[in-house]
Structures are given as structure tokens and as C-alpha cells.
Amino acid sequence: MPTYIVLLGPPGVGKGTQAEILASKTGLPHISSGDLFRENIRNNTALGKRAKAILDRGELVPDDVTIDMVRDRLSQEDCANGAILDGFPRTPPQADALQAMLAEFHGGVDVVPFITAAPDVLVQRASGRWTCRAAGHIYHATFNPPKVDKVCDVDGSELYQRDDDKAETVAKRIKVYLEQTAPLVNYYRKAGKLVEIDGTQPIADVTAKLLTAIKN
């Protein structure tokens, strides 16, 4: 049976870093909904064209387009044993749709780790974040600096700070995230799938707790 993990956590909590570590330790691919959108639009796929047309009109991409992108990705060979989902689902209706979709792949959501931290800690963390232009590797000025300032350790590309990672933007994103995600957190808590993990611990400790949650 494949293993499907839904990783939840507000901006700045280290979710992206942990997702990469988990992928390397479990062999399950990390599937970020944001990356899926960008890849489909960049590669001009049929779904990418649909999403771009909707976004160009200033509208929100409907659930069915997002779900089709996720289904297409999960049907690929590297997802035969499952996947780590990040950024999807965002709402209880999307969670229902995901459960129905995973049944097609003879699985279901096994565990939902929810990495948490106080908003002021999150602002400090996220506003120090720098991203690699080539492949999106993530660094932090305080917690995970590159060996050479503003240069990615992995591929040598430039590191830049996204507008999303500036302090005032981060504070707004955290508020919106917590408001919007509360119903989803409750959904998975009621289903007995949610495992809360303190994201203020050192990276290795958070990883250890995540691996324990997955194993259990």
C-alpha cells in the first residue's frame, strides 16, 4: 500500500526544509502544489494553459484544476509508493476530494504532521529566508546560511529574497494561513490523522518527530 503524507505548517515554520529531508529519508517524492502550478504553466501543459487563463483574469484557480494537476502528478512512476503533499489540500472539500482520488491509487492519507510555532517566531524565521533561483533550495540568514553569502551550496546559483518573505508580508500571510487552515486542521484532527509537532525545535529534532509520526 502506498503511503501518503499531508504536511501542514504556516509560512516560516520550516515545512519546505523538512519536506526535502523527509523525501530523501523516505524515498517518497515531495509534491508542492505551488511547484506543480509553476511547472504546468512553464511547460504549457493543457492544465497549465487552463490555470494561466484563469490567473490572468485575476480569478482563483478552481479546485477541479488543482485536483487534476495533483492526480496527474500522483499517477507518475516515482509516486508508486506514495508521496509527501505540501500545499494541498487547503480546505475540507479539497481534503474530501483528495481522499477520493487516493482511493484510485489504492491508498489514503496516512498521517498529517502539523508543524507549529508562535506567529512572532514565524515572522523572524520567514523574513530571513533566501531562495535559490535555479532549483528553489531554501536557506536562512540565521538558521541555515549558505557557505558563501547569497550563493546556493548545491548548484552555485544566486540566492534571492522573495517579496513573500519580507516581514510585513509574512505577518499577513501567517494570519491568513491560520484563519484559512483552521477548518482543515480540525478536519484531520477529527479523523485521527493529525500529529502536532513543535517547529521551534532544532531541525534534526523536528525531523526525528516527523519520522516517528510517519512510522507510527
N, C-alpha and C. Protein backbone atom coordinates (compact mmCIF):
# COMPACT_ATOMS: atom_id res chain seq x y z
N MET A 1 0.85 -1.20 0.00
CA MET A 1 0.00 0.00 0.00
C MET A 1 0.88 1.25 0.00
N PRO A 2 0.56 2.22 -0.86
CA PRO A 2 1.34 3.45 -0.86
C PRO A 2 1.11 4.26 0.42
N THR A 3 2.07 5.10 0.75
CA THR A 3 2.00 5.96 1.94
C THR A 3 1.83 7.40 1.49
N TYR A 4 0.76 8.05 1.95
CA TYR A 4 0.52 9.45 1.61
C TYR A 4 0.54 10.31 2.87
N ILE A 5 1.39 11.32 2.83
CA ILE A 5 1.58 12.22 3.97
C ILE A 5 1.15 13.62 3.54
N VAL A 6 0.29 14.27 4.32
CA VAL A 6 -0.07 15.66 4.07
C VAL A 6 0.64 16.51 5.12
N LEU A 7 1.56 17.35 4.66
CA LEU A 7 2.38 18.16 5.57
C LEU A 7 1.76 19.54 5.70
N LEU A 8 1.39 19.90 6.94
CA LEU A 8 0.81 21.22 7.21
C LEU A 8 1.77 22.05 8.05
N GLY A 9 1.69 23.36 7.87
CA GLY A 9 2.51 24.26 8.68
C GLY A 9 2.49 25.65 8.09
N PRO A 10 2.45 26.69 8.93
CA PRO A 10 2.38 28.06 8.44
C PRO A 10 3.68 28.52 7.79
N PRO A 11 3.65 29.63 7.06
CA PRO A 11 4.86 30.18 6.45
C PRO A 11 5.95 30.41 7.49
N GLY A 12 7.17 30.00 7.17
CA GLY A 12 8.30 30.26 8.06
C GLY A 12 8.56 29.19 9.09
N VAL A 13 7.74 28.13 9.12
CA VAL A 13 7.90 27.10 10.15
C VAL A 13 8.94 26.05 9.77
N GLY A 14 9.43 26.10 8.52
CA GLY A 14 10.44 25.14 8.09
C GLY A 14 9.88 23.95 7.37
N LYS A 15 8.64 24.10 6.89
CA LYS A 15 7.95 22.98 6.24
C LYS A 15 8.68 22.53 4.97
N GLY A 16 9.13 23.49 4.15
CA GLY A 16 9.82 23.16 2.91
C GLY A 16 11.12 22.41 3.17
N THR A 17 11.87 22.88 4.17
CA THR A 17 13.13 22.21 4.55
C THR A 17 12.85 20.78 5.00
N GLN A 18 11.85 20.63 5.87
CA GLN A 18 11.52 19.29 6.39
C GLN A 18 11.01 18.38 5.28
N ALA A 19 10.24 18.93 4.35
CA ALA A 19 9.72 18.12 3.25
C ALA A 19 10.87 17.54 2.41
N GLU A 20 11.89 18.36 2.16
CA GLU A 20 13.05 17.89 1.38
C GLU A 20 13.80 16.78 2.14
N ILE A 21 13.98 16.99 3.46
CA ILE A 21 14.68 15.98 4.28
C ILE A 21 13.87 14.68 4.30
N LEU A 22 12.56 14.80 4.52
CA LEU A 22 11.69 13.61 4.56
C LEU A 22 11.74 12.85 3.23
N ALA A 23 11.72 13.60 2.13
CA ALA A 23 11.77 12.96 0.81
C ALA A 23 13.05 12.14 0.67
N SER A 24 14.17 12.70 1.13
CA SER A 24 15.44 11.98 1.00
C SER A 24 15.50 10.77 1.92
N LYS A 25 14.87 10.86 3.08
CA LYS A 25 14.94 9.76 4.06
C LYS A 25 13.91 8.66 3.78
N THR A 26 12.78 9.01 3.19
CA THR A 26 11.72 8.01 2.96
C THR A 26 11.69 7.51 1.51
N GLY A 27 12.30 8.28 0.60
CA GLY A 27 12.22 7.91 -0.81
C GLY A 27 10.91 8.32 -1.46
N LEU A 28 10.04 9.00 -0.70
CA LEU A 28 8.76 9.48 -1.27
C LEU A 28 8.97 10.86 -1.88
N PRO A 29 8.43 11.12 -3.07
CA PRO A 29 8.61 12.44 -3.67
C PRO A 29 7.86 13.52 -2.91
N HIS A 30 8.46 14.71 -2.85
CA HIS A 30 7.83 15.88 -2.24
C HIS A 30 7.07 16.60 -3.33
N ILE A 31 5.76 16.71 -3.18
CA ILE A 31 4.92 17.36 -4.18
C ILE A 31 4.34 18.64 -3.60
N SER A 32 4.87 19.76 -4.07
CA SER A 32 4.39 21.08 -3.64
C SER A 32 3.39 21.58 -4.67
N SER A 33 2.20 21.99 -4.20
CA SER A 33 1.18 22.45 -5.15
C SER A 33 1.66 23.70 -5.89
N GLY A 34 2.40 24.57 -5.20
CA GLY A 34 2.93 25.77 -5.85
C GLY A 34 3.87 25.41 -7.00
N ASP A 35 4.76 24.43 -6.74
CA ASP A 35 5.68 23.98 -7.79
C ASP A 35 4.93 23.35 -8.96
N LEU A 36 3.86 22.60 -8.64
CA LEU A 36 3.07 21.96 -9.69
C LEU A 36 2.47 23.00 -10.63
N PHE A 37 1.91 24.07 -10.03
CA PHE A 37 1.33 25.14 -10.84
C PHE A 37 2.39 25.75 -11.75
N ARG A 38 3.53 26.09 -11.16
CA ARG A 38 4.59 26.74 -11.93
C ARG A 38 5.09 25.83 -13.07
N GLU A 39 5.26 24.54 -12.76
CA GLU A 39 5.76 23.60 -13.78
C GLU A 39 4.76 23.45 -14.93
N ASN A 40 3.48 23.32 -14.58
CA ASN A 40 2.46 23.15 -15.63
C ASN A 40 2.35 24.40 -16.50
N ILE A 41 2.43 25.57 -15.88
CA ILE A 41 2.36 26.81 -16.66
C ILE A 41 3.61 26.97 -17.51
N ARG A 42 4.77 26.70 -16.91
CA ARG A 42 6.05 26.84 -17.64
C ARG A 42 6.12 25.87 -18.82
N ASN A 43 5.62 24.63 -18.60
CA ASN A 43 5.69 23.61 -19.66
C ASN A 43 4.52 23.68 -20.64
N ASN A 44 3.61 24.66 -20.39
CA ASN A 44 2.50 24.90 -21.31
C ASN A 44 1.62 23.67 -21.50
N THR A 45 1.42 22.90 -20.40
CA THR A 45 0.55 21.72 -20.48
C THR A 45 -0.90 22.19 -20.62
N ALA A 46 -1.78 21.26 -20.94
CA ALA A 46 -3.20 21.61 -21.07
C ALA A 46 -3.73 22.20 -19.76
N LEU A 47 -3.34 21.57 -18.62
CA LEU A 47 -3.77 22.09 -17.31
C LEU A 47 -3.12 23.44 -17.02
N GLY A 48 -1.86 23.58 -17.43
CA GLY A 48 -1.15 24.84 -17.23
C GLY A 48 -1.82 25.98 -17.99
N LYS A 49 -2.26 25.70 -19.22
CA LYS A 49 -2.95 26.72 -20.02
C LYS A 49 -4.26 27.13 -19.36
N ARG A 50 -4.99 26.13 -18.85
CA ARG A 50 -6.26 26.45 -18.15
C ARG A 50 -6.00 27.32 -16.93
N ALA A 51 -4.99 26.92 -16.13
CA ALA A 51 -4.68 27.68 -14.90
C ALA A 51 -4.24 29.09 -15.23
N LYS A 52 -3.39 29.23 -16.25
CA LYS A 52 -2.86 30.56 -16.62
C LYS A 52 -3.98 31.49 -17.07
N ALA A 53 -4.90 30.95 -17.88
CA ALA A 53 -6.01 31.76 -18.36
C ALA A 53 -6.86 32.29 -17.20
N ILE A 54 -7.06 31.43 -16.19
CA ILE A 54 -7.86 31.83 -15.02
C ILE A 54 -7.09 32.86 -14.19
N LEU A 55 -5.80 32.61 -13.96
CA LEU A 55 -4.98 33.54 -13.17
C LEU A 55 -4.85 34.89 -13.88
N ASP A 56 -4.74 34.86 -15.21
CA ASP A 56 -4.62 36.11 -15.98
C ASP A 56 -5.88 36.96 -15.87
N ARG A 57 -7.00 36.31 -15.59
CA ARG A 57 -8.25 37.06 -15.38
C ARG A 57 -8.37 37.57 -13.94
N GLY A 58 -7.35 37.21 -13.11
CA GLY A 58 -7.37 37.66 -11.72
C GLY A 58 -8.28 36.82 -10.84
N GLU A 59 -8.64 35.62 -11.31
CA GLU A 59 -9.53 34.73 -10.55
C GLU A 59 -8.73 33.63 -9.86
N LEU A 60 -9.35 33.01 -8.87
CA LEU A 60 -8.73 31.88 -8.18
C LEU A 60 -8.92 30.62 -9.03
N VAL A 61 -7.87 29.82 -9.08
CA VAL A 61 -7.95 28.55 -9.84
C VAL A 61 -8.92 27.62 -9.11
N PRO A 62 -9.94 27.10 -9.79
CA PRO A 62 -10.92 26.24 -9.11
C PRO A 62 -10.31 24.91 -8.69
N ASP A 63 -10.97 24.29 -7.71
CA ASP A 63 -10.47 23.03 -7.14
C ASP A 63 -10.23 21.96 -8.20
N ASP A 64 -11.13 21.87 -9.20
CA ASP A 64 -11.01 20.75 -10.15
C ASP A 64 -9.70 20.81 -10.94
N VAL A 65 -9.20 22.04 -11.23
CA VAL A 65 -7.94 22.16 -11.97
C VAL A 65 -6.78 21.71 -11.08
N THR A 66 -6.80 22.20 -9.83
CA THR A 66 -5.74 21.81 -8.87
C THR A 66 -5.75 20.30 -8.66
N ILE A 67 -6.92 19.74 -8.47
CA ILE A 67 -7.06 18.30 -8.22
C ILE A 67 -6.54 17.49 -9.42
N ASP A 68 -6.86 17.96 -10.63
CA ASP A 68 -6.38 17.26 -11.84
C ASP A 68 -4.85 17.30 -11.92
N MET A 69 -4.25 18.44 -11.54
CA MET A 69 -2.78 18.54 -11.53
C MET A 69 -2.18 17.56 -10.54
N VAL A 70 -2.78 17.49 -9.35
CA VAL A 70 -2.28 16.57 -8.31
C VAL A 70 -2.45 15.13 -8.77
N ARG A 71 -3.61 14.81 -9.35
CA ARG A 71 -3.86 13.43 -9.83
C ARG A 71 -2.84 13.05 -10.90
N ASP A 72 -2.58 13.97 -11.83
CA ASP A 72 -1.62 13.71 -12.90
C ASP A 72 -0.23 13.43 -12.32
N ARG A 73 0.14 14.23 -11.30
CA ARG A 73 1.48 14.04 -10.69
C ARG A 73 1.55 12.72 -9.94
N LEU A 74 0.49 12.39 -9.19
CA LEU A 74 0.50 11.15 -8.39
C LEU A 74 0.46 9.89 -9.26
N SER A 75 0.03 10.04 -10.52
CA SER A 75 -0.04 8.88 -11.40
C SER A 75 1.33 8.55 -12.01
N GLN A 76 2.32 9.42 -11.77
CA GLN A 76 3.66 9.19 -12.34
C GLN A 76 4.40 8.10 -11.55
N GLU A 77 5.35 7.48 -12.23
CA GLU A 77 6.00 6.28 -11.72
C GLU A 77 6.68 6.47 -10.36
N ASP A 78 7.28 7.65 -10.13
CA ASP A 78 8.01 7.86 -8.87
C ASP A 78 7.08 7.95 -7.66
N CYS A 79 5.75 8.03 -7.90
CA CYS A 79 4.78 8.11 -6.80
C CYS A 79 4.13 6.75 -6.51
N ALA A 80 4.69 5.68 -7.07
CA ALA A 80 4.09 4.35 -6.90
C ALA A 80 3.98 3.95 -5.43
N ASN A 81 4.95 4.41 -4.61
CA ASN A 81 4.93 4.06 -3.18
C ASN A 81 4.30 5.13 -2.30
N GLY A 82 3.78 6.20 -2.93
CA GLY A 82 3.16 7.28 -2.17
C GLY A 82 3.85 8.61 -2.42
N ALA A 83 3.55 9.60 -1.58
CA ALA A 83 4.09 10.94 -1.77
C ALA A 83 3.89 11.77 -0.51
N ILE A 84 4.68 12.87 -0.44
CA ILE A 84 4.54 13.87 0.61
C ILE A 84 3.88 15.09 -0.03
N LEU A 85 2.66 15.41 0.37
CA LEU A 85 1.91 16.52 -0.22
C LEU A 85 2.07 17.77 0.63
N ASP A 86 2.36 18.88 -0.05
CA ASP A 86 2.65 20.15 0.62
C ASP A 86 1.90 21.25 -0.12
N GLY A 87 0.97 21.91 0.58
CA GLY A 87 0.20 22.99 -0.05
C GLY A 87 -1.15 22.54 -0.60
N PHE A 88 -1.41 21.27 -0.52
CA PHE A 88 -2.70 20.69 -0.93
C PHE A 88 -2.96 19.47 -0.07
N PRO A 89 -4.17 19.32 0.48
CA PRO A 89 -5.33 20.20 0.37
C PRO A 89 -5.21 21.43 1.26
N ARG A 90 -6.05 22.44 0.97
CA ARG A 90 -6.11 23.65 1.78
C ARG A 90 -7.44 23.82 2.52
N THR A 91 -8.45 23.05 2.08
CA THR A 91 -9.80 23.16 2.67
C THR A 91 -10.37 21.77 2.87
N PRO A 92 -11.38 21.62 3.75
CA PRO A 92 -12.02 20.31 3.92
C PRO A 92 -12.59 19.74 2.62
N PRO A 93 -13.24 20.54 1.74
CA PRO A 93 -13.71 19.96 0.47
C PRO A 93 -12.56 19.41 -0.38
N GLN A 94 -11.41 20.11 -0.39
CA GLN A 94 -10.25 19.58 -1.10
C GLN A 94 -9.75 18.30 -0.45
N ALA A 95 -9.83 18.23 0.89
CA ALA A 95 -9.41 17.02 1.61
C ALA A 95 -10.31 15.84 1.24
N ASP A 96 -11.61 16.10 1.11
CA ASP A 96 -12.54 15.04 0.67
C ASP A 96 -12.18 14.56 -0.74
N ALA A 97 -11.90 15.53 -1.62
CA ALA A 97 -11.54 15.19 -3.00
C ALA A 97 -10.24 14.41 -3.05
N LEU A 98 -9.29 14.79 -2.19
CA LEU A 98 -8.01 14.07 -2.14
C LEU A 98 -8.22 12.63 -1.70
N GLN A 99 -9.06 12.43 -0.69
CA GLN A 99 -9.30 11.08 -0.18
C GLN A 99 -9.91 10.20 -1.28
N ALA A 100 -10.85 10.78 -2.02
CA ALA A 100 -11.48 10.03 -3.12
C ALA A 100 -10.45 9.71 -4.21
N MET A 101 -9.57 10.68 -4.49
CA MET A 101 -8.54 10.49 -5.50
C MET A 101 -7.55 9.41 -5.08
N LEU A 102 -7.12 9.45 -3.82
CA LEU A 102 -6.12 8.48 -3.34
C LEU A 102 -6.67 7.05 -3.36
N ALA A 103 -7.98 6.93 -3.22
CA ALA A 103 -8.61 5.61 -3.31
C ALA A 103 -8.36 5.00 -4.70
N GLU A 104 -8.26 5.88 -5.73
CA GLU A 104 -7.97 5.40 -7.09
C GLU A 104 -6.57 4.76 -7.14
N PHE A 105 -5.69 5.24 -6.27
CA PHE A 105 -4.31 4.71 -6.22
C PHE A 105 -4.15 3.67 -5.09
N HIS A 106 -5.31 3.17 -4.60
CA HIS A 106 -5.34 2.13 -3.56
C HIS A 106 -4.68 2.60 -2.26
N GLY A 107 -4.93 3.84 -1.91
CA GLY A 107 -4.39 4.37 -0.65
C GLY A 107 -5.30 5.42 -0.06
N GLY A 108 -4.77 6.11 0.93
CA GLY A 108 -5.48 7.22 1.59
C GLY A 108 -4.47 8.00 2.39
N VAL A 109 -4.90 9.11 2.96
CA VAL A 109 -3.99 9.91 3.78
C VAL A 109 -3.66 9.12 5.04
N ASP A 110 -2.37 8.86 5.27
CA ASP A 110 -1.95 8.07 6.43
C ASP A 110 -1.71 8.92 7.67
N VAL A 111 -1.06 10.06 7.48
CA VAL A 111 -0.73 10.91 8.63
C VAL A 111 -0.61 12.35 8.15
N VAL A 112 -0.98 13.29 9.06
CA VAL A 112 -0.93 14.72 8.73
C VAL A 112 -0.11 15.43 9.80
N PRO A 113 1.21 15.49 9.63
CA PRO A 113 2.03 16.25 10.58
C PRO A 113 1.75 17.75 10.43
N PHE A 114 1.49 18.40 11.56
CA PHE A 114 1.21 19.85 11.58
C PHE A 114 2.32 20.51 12.38
N ILE A 115 3.26 21.14 11.67
CA ILE A 115 4.40 21.78 12.32
C ILE A 115 3.97 23.17 12.77
N THR A 116 4.14 23.47 14.05
CA THR A 116 3.61 24.71 14.61
C THR A 116 4.71 25.58 15.24
N ALA A 117 4.41 26.88 15.37
CA ALA A 117 5.27 27.83 16.08
C ALA A 117 4.48 29.11 16.27
N ALA A 118 4.86 29.90 17.27
CA ALA A 118 4.17 31.17 17.55
C ALA A 118 4.38 32.14 16.38
N PRO A 119 3.38 33.00 16.09
CA PRO A 119 3.50 33.93 14.95
C PRO A 119 4.75 34.80 14.97
N ASP A 120 5.18 35.30 16.15
CA ASP A 120 6.36 36.17 16.17
C ASP A 120 7.62 35.40 15.77
N VAL A 121 7.69 34.13 16.15
CA VAL A 121 8.82 33.27 15.77
C VAL A 121 8.80 33.06 14.25
N LEU A 122 7.60 32.86 13.71
CA LEU A 122 7.45 32.61 12.28
C LEU A 122 7.89 33.82 11.45
N VAL A 123 7.53 35.02 11.92
CA VAL A 123 7.93 36.24 11.19
C VAL A 123 9.45 36.35 11.16
N GLN A 124 10.08 36.09 12.31
CA GLN A 124 11.55 36.16 12.37
C GLN A 124 12.17 35.15 11.41
N ARG A 125 11.61 33.95 11.41
CA ARG A 125 12.17 32.88 10.56
C ARG A 125 11.97 33.18 9.08
N ALA A 126 10.72 33.47 8.71
CA ALA A 126 10.41 33.61 7.29
C ALA A 126 11.06 34.84 6.67
N SER A 127 11.21 35.90 7.46
CA SER A 127 11.75 37.13 6.88
C SER A 127 13.27 37.05 6.70
N GLY A 128 13.89 35.95 7.16
CA GLY A 128 15.32 35.74 6.92
C GLY A 128 15.58 34.71 5.84
N ARG A 129 14.51 34.32 5.14
CA ARG A 129 14.63 33.22 4.18
C ARG A 129 15.11 33.71 2.81
N TRP A 130 16.02 32.94 2.23
CA TRP A 130 16.54 33.22 0.88
C TRP A 130 16.37 31.97 0.04
N THR A 131 16.04 32.15 -1.22
CA THR A 131 15.71 31.03 -2.11
C THR A 131 16.64 30.99 -3.31
N CYS A 132 17.02 29.78 -3.69
CA CYS A 132 17.90 29.57 -4.86
C CYS A 132 17.09 29.76 -6.15
N ARG A 133 17.63 30.56 -7.07
CA ARG A 133 16.91 30.84 -8.33
C ARG A 133 16.76 29.61 -9.20
N ALA A 134 17.77 28.74 -9.20
CA ALA A 134 17.77 27.61 -10.14
C ALA A 134 16.78 26.52 -9.75
N ALA A 135 16.81 26.09 -8.48
CA ALA A 135 16.01 24.91 -8.10
C ALA A 135 15.17 25.12 -6.84
N GLY A 136 15.17 26.34 -6.29
CA GLY A 136 14.32 26.61 -5.14
C GLY A 136 14.83 26.11 -3.81
N HIS A 137 16.13 25.76 -3.70
CA HIS A 137 16.69 25.36 -2.41
C HIS A 137 16.56 26.54 -1.44
N ILE A 138 16.24 26.23 -0.18
CA ILE A 138 15.92 27.28 0.79
C ILE A 138 17.03 27.42 1.83
N TYR A 139 17.39 28.67 2.13
CA TYR A 139 18.40 28.99 3.15
C TYR A 139 17.81 30.03 4.09
N HIS A 140 18.49 30.21 5.22
CA HIS A 140 18.06 31.23 6.17
C HIS A 140 19.28 31.96 6.70
N ALA A 141 19.18 33.28 6.74
CA ALA A 141 20.31 34.11 7.16
C ALA A 141 20.83 33.72 8.53
N THR A 142 19.94 33.28 9.44
CA THR A 142 20.34 32.94 10.82
C THR A 142 20.46 31.43 11.03
N PHE A 143 19.44 30.68 10.60
CA PHE A 143 19.34 29.27 10.98
C PHE A 143 20.00 28.30 10.01
N ASN A 144 20.10 28.69 8.74
CA ASN A 144 20.65 27.77 7.74
C ASN A 144 21.35 28.57 6.63
N PRO A 145 22.41 29.32 7.00
CA PRO A 145 23.05 30.19 5.99
C PRO A 145 23.85 29.38 4.97
N PRO A 146 23.98 29.89 3.74
CA PRO A 146 24.83 29.22 2.75
C PRO A 146 26.30 29.39 3.12
N LYS A 147 27.15 28.53 2.58
CA LYS A 147 28.59 28.65 2.86
C LYS A 147 29.16 29.96 2.32
N VAL A 148 28.65 30.37 1.14
CA VAL A 148 29.05 31.65 0.54
C VAL A 148 27.81 32.54 0.48
N ASP A 149 27.94 33.78 0.95
CA ASP A 149 26.80 34.70 1.02
C ASP A 149 26.07 34.81 -0.32
N LYS A 150 24.75 34.58 -0.27
CA LYS A 150 23.86 34.73 -1.43
C LYS A 150 24.19 33.79 -2.61
N VAL A 151 24.86 32.66 -2.30
CA VAL A 151 25.15 31.66 -3.33
C VAL A 151 24.69 30.29 -2.82
N CYS A 152 23.95 29.55 -3.68
CA CYS A 152 23.43 28.23 -3.30
C CYS A 152 24.57 27.21 -3.17
N ASP A 153 24.58 26.48 -2.05
CA ASP A 153 25.59 25.44 -1.81
C ASP A 153 25.49 24.32 -2.85
N VAL A 154 24.26 24.04 -3.31
CA VAL A 154 24.01 22.86 -4.15
C VAL A 154 24.41 23.10 -5.60
N ASP A 155 23.95 24.22 -6.18
CA ASP A 155 24.18 24.43 -7.61
C ASP A 155 24.87 25.75 -7.96
N GLY A 156 25.25 26.53 -6.93
CA GLY A 156 26.02 27.75 -7.19
C GLY A 156 25.21 28.90 -7.77
N SER A 157 23.88 28.75 -7.82
CA SER A 157 23.07 29.83 -8.38
C SER A 157 22.84 30.92 -7.33
N GLU A 158 22.35 32.06 -7.81
CA GLU A 158 22.12 33.21 -6.92
C GLU A 158 20.96 32.93 -5.96
N LEU A 159 21.11 33.41 -4.72
CA LEU A 159 20.01 33.37 -3.77
C LEU A 159 19.32 34.74 -3.77
N TYR A 160 18.00 34.72 -3.70
CA TYR A 160 17.27 35.99 -3.67
C TYR A 160 16.17 35.91 -2.62
N GLN A 161 15.66 37.07 -2.18
CA GLN A 161 14.58 37.09 -1.20
C GLN A 161 13.28 37.43 -1.93
N ARG A 162 12.34 36.50 -1.84
CA ARG A 162 11.05 36.72 -2.48
C ARG A 162 10.29 37.81 -1.73
N ASP A 163 9.42 38.53 -2.45
CA ASP A 163 8.58 39.54 -1.79
C ASP A 163 7.76 38.91 -0.66
N ASP A 164 7.36 37.64 -0.89
CA ASP A 164 6.57 36.90 0.11
C ASP A 164 7.32 36.71 1.43
N ASP A 165 8.66 36.81 1.39
CA ASP A 165 9.47 36.52 2.57
C ASP A 165 9.88 37.79 3.34
N LYS A 166 9.31 38.94 2.96
CA LYS A 166 9.59 40.18 3.69
C LYS A 166 8.66 40.29 4.89
N ALA A 167 9.15 40.86 6.00
CA ALA A 167 8.48 40.76 7.31
C ALA A 167 7.00 41.15 7.29
N GLU A 168 6.67 42.29 6.68
CA GLU A 168 5.26 42.74 6.72
C GLU A 168 4.36 41.81 5.93
N THR A 169 4.90 41.28 4.82
CA THR A 169 4.11 40.33 4.01
C THR A 169 3.94 39.02 4.76
N VAL A 170 5.00 38.59 5.43
CA VAL A 170 4.96 37.33 6.19
C VAL A 170 3.89 37.38 7.26
N ALA A 171 3.83 38.49 8.01
CA ALA A 171 2.84 38.63 9.09
C ALA A 171 1.42 38.46 8.56
N LYS A 172 1.15 39.07 7.40
CA LYS A 172 -0.19 38.94 6.79
C LYS A 172 -0.44 37.51 6.34
N ARG A 173 0.57 36.90 5.71
CA ARG A 173 0.41 35.52 5.21
C ARG A 173 0.13 34.55 6.35
N ILE A 174 0.80 34.75 7.50
CA ILE A 174 0.61 33.86 8.65
C ILE A 174 -0.82 33.98 9.17
N LYS A 175 -1.30 35.23 9.29
CA LYS A 175 -2.67 35.46 9.78
C LYS A 175 -3.68 34.77 8.86
N VAL A 176 -3.52 34.99 7.55
CA VAL A 176 -4.44 34.38 6.58
C VAL A 176 -4.35 32.86 6.63
N TYR A 177 -3.11 32.34 6.69
CA TYR A 177 -2.91 30.88 6.73
C TYR A 177 -3.63 30.27 7.93
N LEU A 178 -3.42 30.85 9.10
CA LEU A 178 -4.01 30.28 10.32
C LEU A 178 -5.54 30.32 10.26
N GLU A 179 -6.09 31.42 9.72
CA GLU A 179 -7.55 31.53 9.60
C GLU A 179 -8.09 30.50 8.60
N GLN A 180 -7.42 30.39 7.44
CA GLN A 180 -7.92 29.52 6.38
C GLN A 180 -7.70 28.04 6.69
N THR A 181 -6.61 27.74 7.42
CA THR A 181 -6.25 26.33 7.65
C THR A 181 -6.96 25.74 8.87
N ALA A 182 -7.46 26.58 9.75
CA ALA A 182 -8.11 26.07 10.97
C ALA A 182 -9.15 24.98 10.68
N PRO A 183 -10.05 25.15 9.69
CA PRO A 183 -11.03 24.08 9.41
C PRO A 183 -10.36 22.78 8.96
N LEU A 184 -9.26 22.89 8.18
CA LEU A 184 -8.55 21.70 7.70
C LEU A 184 -7.85 20.98 8.85
N VAL A 185 -7.26 21.75 9.76
CA VAL A 185 -6.61 21.18 10.94
C VAL A 185 -7.64 20.40 11.76
N ASN A 186 -8.81 21.01 11.96
CA ASN A 186 -9.88 20.34 12.72
C ASN A 186 -10.38 19.09 11.99
N TYR A 187 -10.45 19.17 10.66
CA TYR A 187 -10.89 18.04 9.83
C TYR A 187 -10.00 16.83 10.08
N TYR A 188 -8.68 17.04 10.00
CA TYR A 188 -7.75 15.92 10.17
C TYR A 188 -7.61 15.51 11.63
N ARG A 189 -7.83 16.45 12.55
CA ARG A 189 -7.80 16.09 13.98
C ARG A 189 -8.96 15.13 14.29
N LYS A 190 -10.15 15.48 13.77
CA LYS A 190 -11.33 14.62 13.99
C LYS A 190 -11.14 13.25 13.35
N ALA A 191 -10.41 13.22 12.24
CA ALA A 191 -10.17 11.95 11.53
C ALA A 191 -9.09 11.12 12.21
N GLY A 192 -8.44 11.69 13.24
CA GLY A 192 -7.39 10.97 13.96
C GLY A 192 -6.07 10.89 13.20
N LYS A 193 -5.90 11.77 12.21
CA LYS A 193 -4.68 11.74 11.37
C LYS A 193 -3.66 12.80 11.78
N LEU A 194 -4.08 13.83 12.54
CA LEU A 194 -3.22 14.98 12.81
C LEU A 194 -2.21 14.68 13.92
N VAL A 195 -0.96 15.05 13.68
CA VAL A 195 0.09 14.96 14.71
C VAL A 195 0.76 16.33 14.79
N GLU A 196 0.60 17.01 15.91
CA GLU A 196 1.21 18.34 16.07
C GLU A 196 2.66 18.20 16.50
N ILE A 197 3.53 18.97 15.84
CA ILE A 197 4.97 18.91 16.10
C ILE A 197 5.48 20.33 16.33
N ASP A 198 6.21 20.53 17.42
CA ASP A 198 6.75 21.85 17.76
C ASP A 198 7.87 22.22 16.79
N GLY A 199 7.60 23.22 15.95
CA GLY A 199 8.56 23.62 14.94
C GLY A 199 9.67 24.52 15.43
N THR A 200 9.66 24.85 16.73
CA THR A 200 10.73 25.72 17.27
C THR A 200 11.95 24.90 17.69
N GLN A 201 11.85 23.58 17.64
CA GLN A 201 12.98 22.71 17.98
C GLN A 201 14.04 22.76 16.87
N PRO A 202 15.26 22.32 17.16
CA PRO A 202 16.27 22.23 16.10
C PRO A 202 15.77 21.37 14.94
N ILE A 203 16.27 21.65 13.74
CA ILE A 203 15.81 20.96 12.53
C ILE A 203 15.86 19.44 12.69
N ALA A 204 16.96 18.92 13.24
CA ALA A 204 17.12 17.46 13.37
C ALA A 204 16.06 16.87 14.30
N ASP A 205 15.70 17.61 15.35
CA ASP A 205 14.68 17.13 16.29
C ASP A 205 13.30 17.09 15.64
N VAL A 206 13.01 18.12 14.85
CA VAL A 206 11.72 18.15 14.14
C VAL A 206 11.66 16.97 13.16
N THR A 207 12.77 16.72 12.44
CA THR A 207 12.82 15.60 11.51
C THR A 207 12.57 14.27 12.23
N ALA A 208 13.20 14.10 13.39
CA ALA A 208 13.04 12.86 14.15
C ALA A 208 11.58 12.66 14.54
N LYS A 209 10.92 13.73 14.97
CA LYS A 209 9.49 13.63 15.37
C LYS A 209 8.63 13.29 14.14
N LEU A 210 8.95 13.91 13.02
CA LEU A 210 8.20 13.62 11.79
C LEU A 210 8.35 12.16 11.38
N LEU A 211 9.58 11.65 11.44
CA LEU A 211 9.81 10.25 11.05
C LEU A 211 9.08 9.29 12.00
N THR A 212 9.05 9.64 13.28
CA THR A 212 8.31 8.83 14.27
C THR A 212 6.83 8.82 13.95
N ALA A 213 6.30 10.01 13.61
CA ALA A 213 4.86 10.12 13.27
C ALA A 213 4.53 9.27 12.06
N ILE A 214 5.40 9.30 11.06
CA ILE A 214 5.18 8.53 9.83
C ILE A 214 5.25 7.03 10.12
N LYS A 215 6.27 6.63 10.91
CA LYS A 215 6.45 5.22 11.24
C LYS A 215 5.26 4.67 12.02
N ASN A 216 4.74 5.48 12.94
CA ASN A 216 3.62 5.03 13.78
C ASN A 216 2.31 4.94 13.00
